[in-house]
Amino acid sequence: MAGKLRKVSAGLMVFLVTTLAPMIALAGEAVQQDNEWSMKMYLAIASGFGIALAAFGGAIAQGRAAAAALEGIARNPGASGKILTPMILALALIESLVIYTLIIAFVLSGKIG
């Protein structure tokens, strides 16, 4: 399962790099031409990709954390109290990173309008 996840994430990264590389190369040209519409378009695309990537990464991390905690509880039911608290803390920290990305996306979208 871990090998398949690595292949999928590597494929996703290759796709993102090959998709965004021309946009990044053209972003400098758009600034030089003072094309305000193009800059707003790139900010919107960056905002959308940031939210999508953060949601994807947060969902994967939360799923893995919950699965590992449930596996540990299944192997040793007596340790459920010791496992539950760090798991909830980890889930809260993972979610805070996704919320931080949401705030950054709102800041970027504020520059669009």
C-alpha atoms as a PDB file:
ATOM      1  CA  MET A   1       0.000   0.000   0.000  1.00  0.00           C
ATOM      2  CA  ALA A   2       2.803   2.403   0.878  1.00  0.00           C
ATOM      3  CA  GLY A   3       4.559   1.729  -2.425  1.00  0.00           C
ATOM      4  CA  LYS A   4       1.391   2.415  -4.366  1.00  0.00           C
ATOM      5  CA  LEU A   5       0.823   5.646  -2.415  1.00  0.00           C
ATOM      6  CA  ARG A   6       4.375   6.758  -3.192  1.00  0.00           C
ATOM      7  CA  LYS A   7       3.860   6.069  -6.895  1.00  0.00           C
ATOM      8  CA  VAL A   8       0.605   8.017  -6.919  1.00  0.00           C
ATOM      9  CA  SER A   9       2.127  10.952  -5.031  1.00  0.00           C
ATOM     10  CA  ALA A  10       5.203  10.919  -7.280  1.00  0.00           C
ATOM     11  CA  GLY A  11       2.949  10.898 -10.340  1.00  0.00           C
ATOM     12  CA  LEU A  12       0.943  13.777  -8.915  1.00  0.00           C
ATOM     13  CA  MET A  13       4.095  15.799  -8.278  1.00  0.00           C
ATOM     14  CA  VAL A  14       5.378  15.151 -11.820  1.00  0.00           C
ATOM     15  CA  PHE A  15       1.996  16.218 -13.212  1.00  0.00           C
ATOM     16  CA  LEU A  16       1.967  19.397 -11.134  1.00  0.00           C
ATOM     17  CA  VAL A  17       5.538  20.322 -12.068  1.00  0.00           C
ATOM     18  CA  THR A  18       4.981  19.745 -15.780  1.00  0.00           C
ATOM     19  CA  THR A  19       1.690  21.640 -15.665  1.00  0.00           C
ATOM     20  CA  LEU A  20       2.893  24.584 -13.595  1.00  0.00           C
ATOM     21  CA  ALA A  21       6.383  25.018 -15.073  1.00  0.00           C
ATOM     22  CA  PRO A  22       5.173  26.820 -18.234  1.00  0.00           C
ATOM     23  CA  MET A  23       2.861  28.995 -16.139  1.00  0.00           C
ATOM     24  CA  ILE A  24       5.710  29.970 -13.847  1.00  0.00           C
ATOM     25  CA  ALA A  25       7.929  30.715 -16.840  1.00  0.00           C
ATOM     26  CA  LEU A  26       5.241  32.902 -18.366  1.00  0.00           C
ATOM     27  CA  ALA A  27       4.474  34.658 -15.063  1.00  0.00           C
ATOM     28  CA  GLY A  28       7.618  36.792 -15.343  1.00  0.00           C
ATOM     29  CA  GLU A  29       6.679  37.762 -18.873  1.00  0.00           C
ATOM     30  CA  ALA A  30       3.175  38.716 -17.713  1.00  0.00           C
ATOM     31  CA  VAL A  31       4.672  40.997 -15.065  1.00  0.00           C
ATOM     32  CA  GLN A  32       6.948  42.644 -17.621  1.00  0.00           C
ATOM     33  CA  GLN A  33       4.001  43.324 -19.905  1.00  0.00           C
ATOM     34  CA  ASP A  34       2.022  44.698 -16.972  1.00  0.00           C
ATOM     35  CA  ASN A  35      -0.903  42.466 -17.799  1.00  0.00           C
ATOM     36  CA  GLU A  36      -3.044  42.699 -14.672  1.00  0.00           C
ATOM     37  CA  TRP A  37      -5.537  40.089 -15.860  1.00  0.00           C
ATOM     38  CA  SER A  38      -2.829  37.447 -16.276  1.00  0.00           C
ATOM     39  CA  MET A  39      -1.484  38.061 -12.779  1.00  0.00           C
ATOM     40  CA  LYS A  40      -4.972  37.684 -11.331  1.00  0.00           C
ATOM     41  CA  MET A  41      -5.385  34.465 -13.272  1.00  0.00           C
ATOM     42  CA  TYR A  42      -2.125  33.060 -11.882  1.00  0.00           C
ATOM     43  CA  LEU A  43      -3.126  34.049  -8.339  1.00  0.00           C
ATOM     44  CA  ALA A  44      -6.459  32.250  -8.760  1.00  0.00           C
ATOM     45  CA  ILE A  45      -4.741  29.132 -10.109  1.00  0.00           C
ATOM     46  CA  ALA A  46      -2.187  29.158  -7.284  1.00  0.00           C
ATOM     47  CA  SER A  47      -4.935  29.571  -4.719  1.00  0.00           C
ATOM     48  CA  GLY A  48      -6.934  26.681  -6.163  1.00  0.00           C
ATOM     49  CA  PHE A  49      -3.943  24.344  -6.403  1.00  0.00           C
ATOM     50  CA  GLY A  50      -2.875  25.229  -2.861  1.00  0.00           C
ATOM     51  CA  ILE A  51      -6.269  24.360  -1.405  1.00  0.00           C
ATOM     52  CA  ALA A  52      -6.523  21.150  -3.435  1.00  0.00           C
ATOM     53  CA  LEU A  53      -3.047  19.997  -2.454  1.00  0.00           C
ATOM     54  CA  ALA A  54      -3.573  20.842   1.224  1.00  0.00           C
ATOM     55  CA  ALA A  55      -6.920  19.054   1.331  1.00  0.00           C
ATOM     56  CA  PHE A  56      -5.434  15.997  -0.380  1.00  0.00           C
ATOM     57  CA  GLY A  57      -2.403  15.888   1.912  1.00  0.00           C
ATOM     58  CA  GLY A  58      -4.467  16.529   5.045  1.00  0.00           C
ATOM     59  CA  ALA A  59      -6.929  13.776   4.157  1.00  0.00           C
ATOM     60  CA  ILE A  60      -4.143  11.270   3.523  1.00  0.00           C
ATOM     61  CA  ALA A  61      -2.362  12.190   6.761  1.00  0.00           C
ATOM     62  CA  GLN A  62      -5.525  12.043   8.859  1.00  0.00           C
ATOM     63  CA  GLY A  63      -6.481   8.704   7.359  1.00  0.00           C
ATOM     64  CA  ARG A  64      -3.066   7.233   8.078  1.00  0.00           C
ATOM     65  CA  ALA A  65      -3.041   8.599  11.637  1.00  0.00           C
ATOM     66  CA  ALA A  66      -6.488   7.212  12.398  1.00  0.00           C
ATOM     67  CA  ALA A  67      -5.654   3.850  10.824  1.00  0.00           C
ATOM     68  CA  ALA A  68      -2.447   3.545  12.844  1.00  0.00           C
ATOM     69  CA  ALA A  69      -4.249   4.480  16.068  1.00  0.00           C
ATOM     70  CA  LEU A  70      -7.047   1.990  15.462  1.00  0.00           C
ATOM     71  CA  GLU A  71      -4.515  -0.695  14.615  1.00  0.00           C
ATOM     72  CA  GLY A  72      -2.684  -0.015  17.866  1.00  0.00           C
ATOM     73  CA  ILE A  73      -5.915  -0.119  19.862  1.00  0.00           C
ATOM     74  CA  ALA A  74      -6.923  -3.370  18.151  1.00  0.00           C
ATOM     75  CA  ARG A  75      -3.613  -4.983  19.098  1.00  0.00           C
ATOM     76  CA  ASN A  76      -3.684  -3.701  22.676  1.00  0.00           C
ATOM     77  CA  PRO A  77      -7.121  -2.517  23.846  1.00  0.00           C
ATOM     78  CA  GLY A  78      -5.694  -1.543  27.239  1.00  0.00           C
ATOM     79  CA  ALA A  79      -3.566   1.163  25.642  1.00  0.00           C
ATOM     80  CA  SER A  80      -6.511   2.983  24.058  1.00  0.00           C
ATOM     81  CA  GLY A  81      -6.295   5.853  26.573  1.00  0.00           C
ATOM     82  CA  LYS A  82      -2.604   6.380  25.835  1.00  0.00           C
ATOM     83  CA  ILE A  83      -3.159   6.221  22.072  1.00  0.00           C
ATOM     84  CA  LEU A  84      -6.307   8.331  21.791  1.00  0.00           C
ATOM     85  CA  THR A  85      -4.931  11.603  23.214  1.00  0.00           C
ATOM     86  CA  PRO A  86      -1.825  11.865  20.968  1.00  0.00           C
ATOM     87  CA  MET A  87      -3.932  10.851  17.965  1.00  0.00           C
ATOM     88  CA  ILE A  88      -6.429  13.661  18.578  1.00  0.00           C
ATOM     89  CA  LEU A  89      -3.551  16.111  19.050  1.00  0.00           C
ATOM     90  CA  ALA A  90      -1.959  14.954  15.784  1.00  0.00           C
ATOM     91  CA  LEU A  91      -5.266  15.269  13.924  1.00  0.00           C
ATOM     92  CA  ALA A  92      -5.722  18.797  15.273  1.00  0.00           C
ATOM     93  CA  LEU A  93      -2.231  19.802  14.116  1.00  0.00           C
ATOM     94  CA  ILE A  94      -2.795  18.298  10.671  1.00  0.00           C
ATOM     95  CA  GLU A  95      -6.093  20.147  10.360  1.00  0.00           C
ATOM     96  CA  SER A  96      -4.464  23.407  11.461  1.00  0.00           C
ATOM     97  CA  LEU A  97      -2.058  23.192   8.516  1.00  0.00           C
ATOM     98  CA  VAL A  98      -4.984  22.769   6.125  1.00  0.00           C
ATOM     99  CA  ILE A  99      -6.775  25.740   7.712  1.00  0.00           C
ATOM    100  CA  TYR A 100      -3.568  27.799   7.381  1.00  0.00           C
ATOM    101  CA  THR A 101      -3.554  27.011   3.661  1.00  0.00           C
ATOM    102  CA  LEU A 102      -7.184  28.106   3.465  1.00  0.00           C
ATOM    103  CA  ILE A 103      -6.256  31.455   5.033  1.00  0.00           C
ATOM    104  CA  ILE A 104      -3.393  31.906   2.556  1.00  0.00           C
ATOM    105  CA  ALA A 105      -5.826  31.116  -0.313  1.00  0.00           C
ATOM    106  CA  PHE A 106      -8.222  33.766   1.001  1.00  0.00           C
ATOM    107  CA  VAL A 107      -5.386  36.297   1.137  1.00  0.00           C
ATOM    108  CA  LEU A 108      -4.416  35.466  -2.453  1.00  0.00           C
ATOM    109  CA  SER A 109      -8.014  35.668  -3.630  1.00  0.00           C
ATOM    110  CA  GLY A 110      -8.307  39.046  -1.887  1.00  0.00           C
ATOM    111  CA  LYS A 111      -5.593  40.325  -4.217  1.00  0.00           C
ATOM    112  CA  ILE A 112      -7.642  39.182  -7.201  1.00  0.00           C
ATOM    113  CA  GLY A 113     -10.695  41.345  -6.538  1.00  0.00           C
END
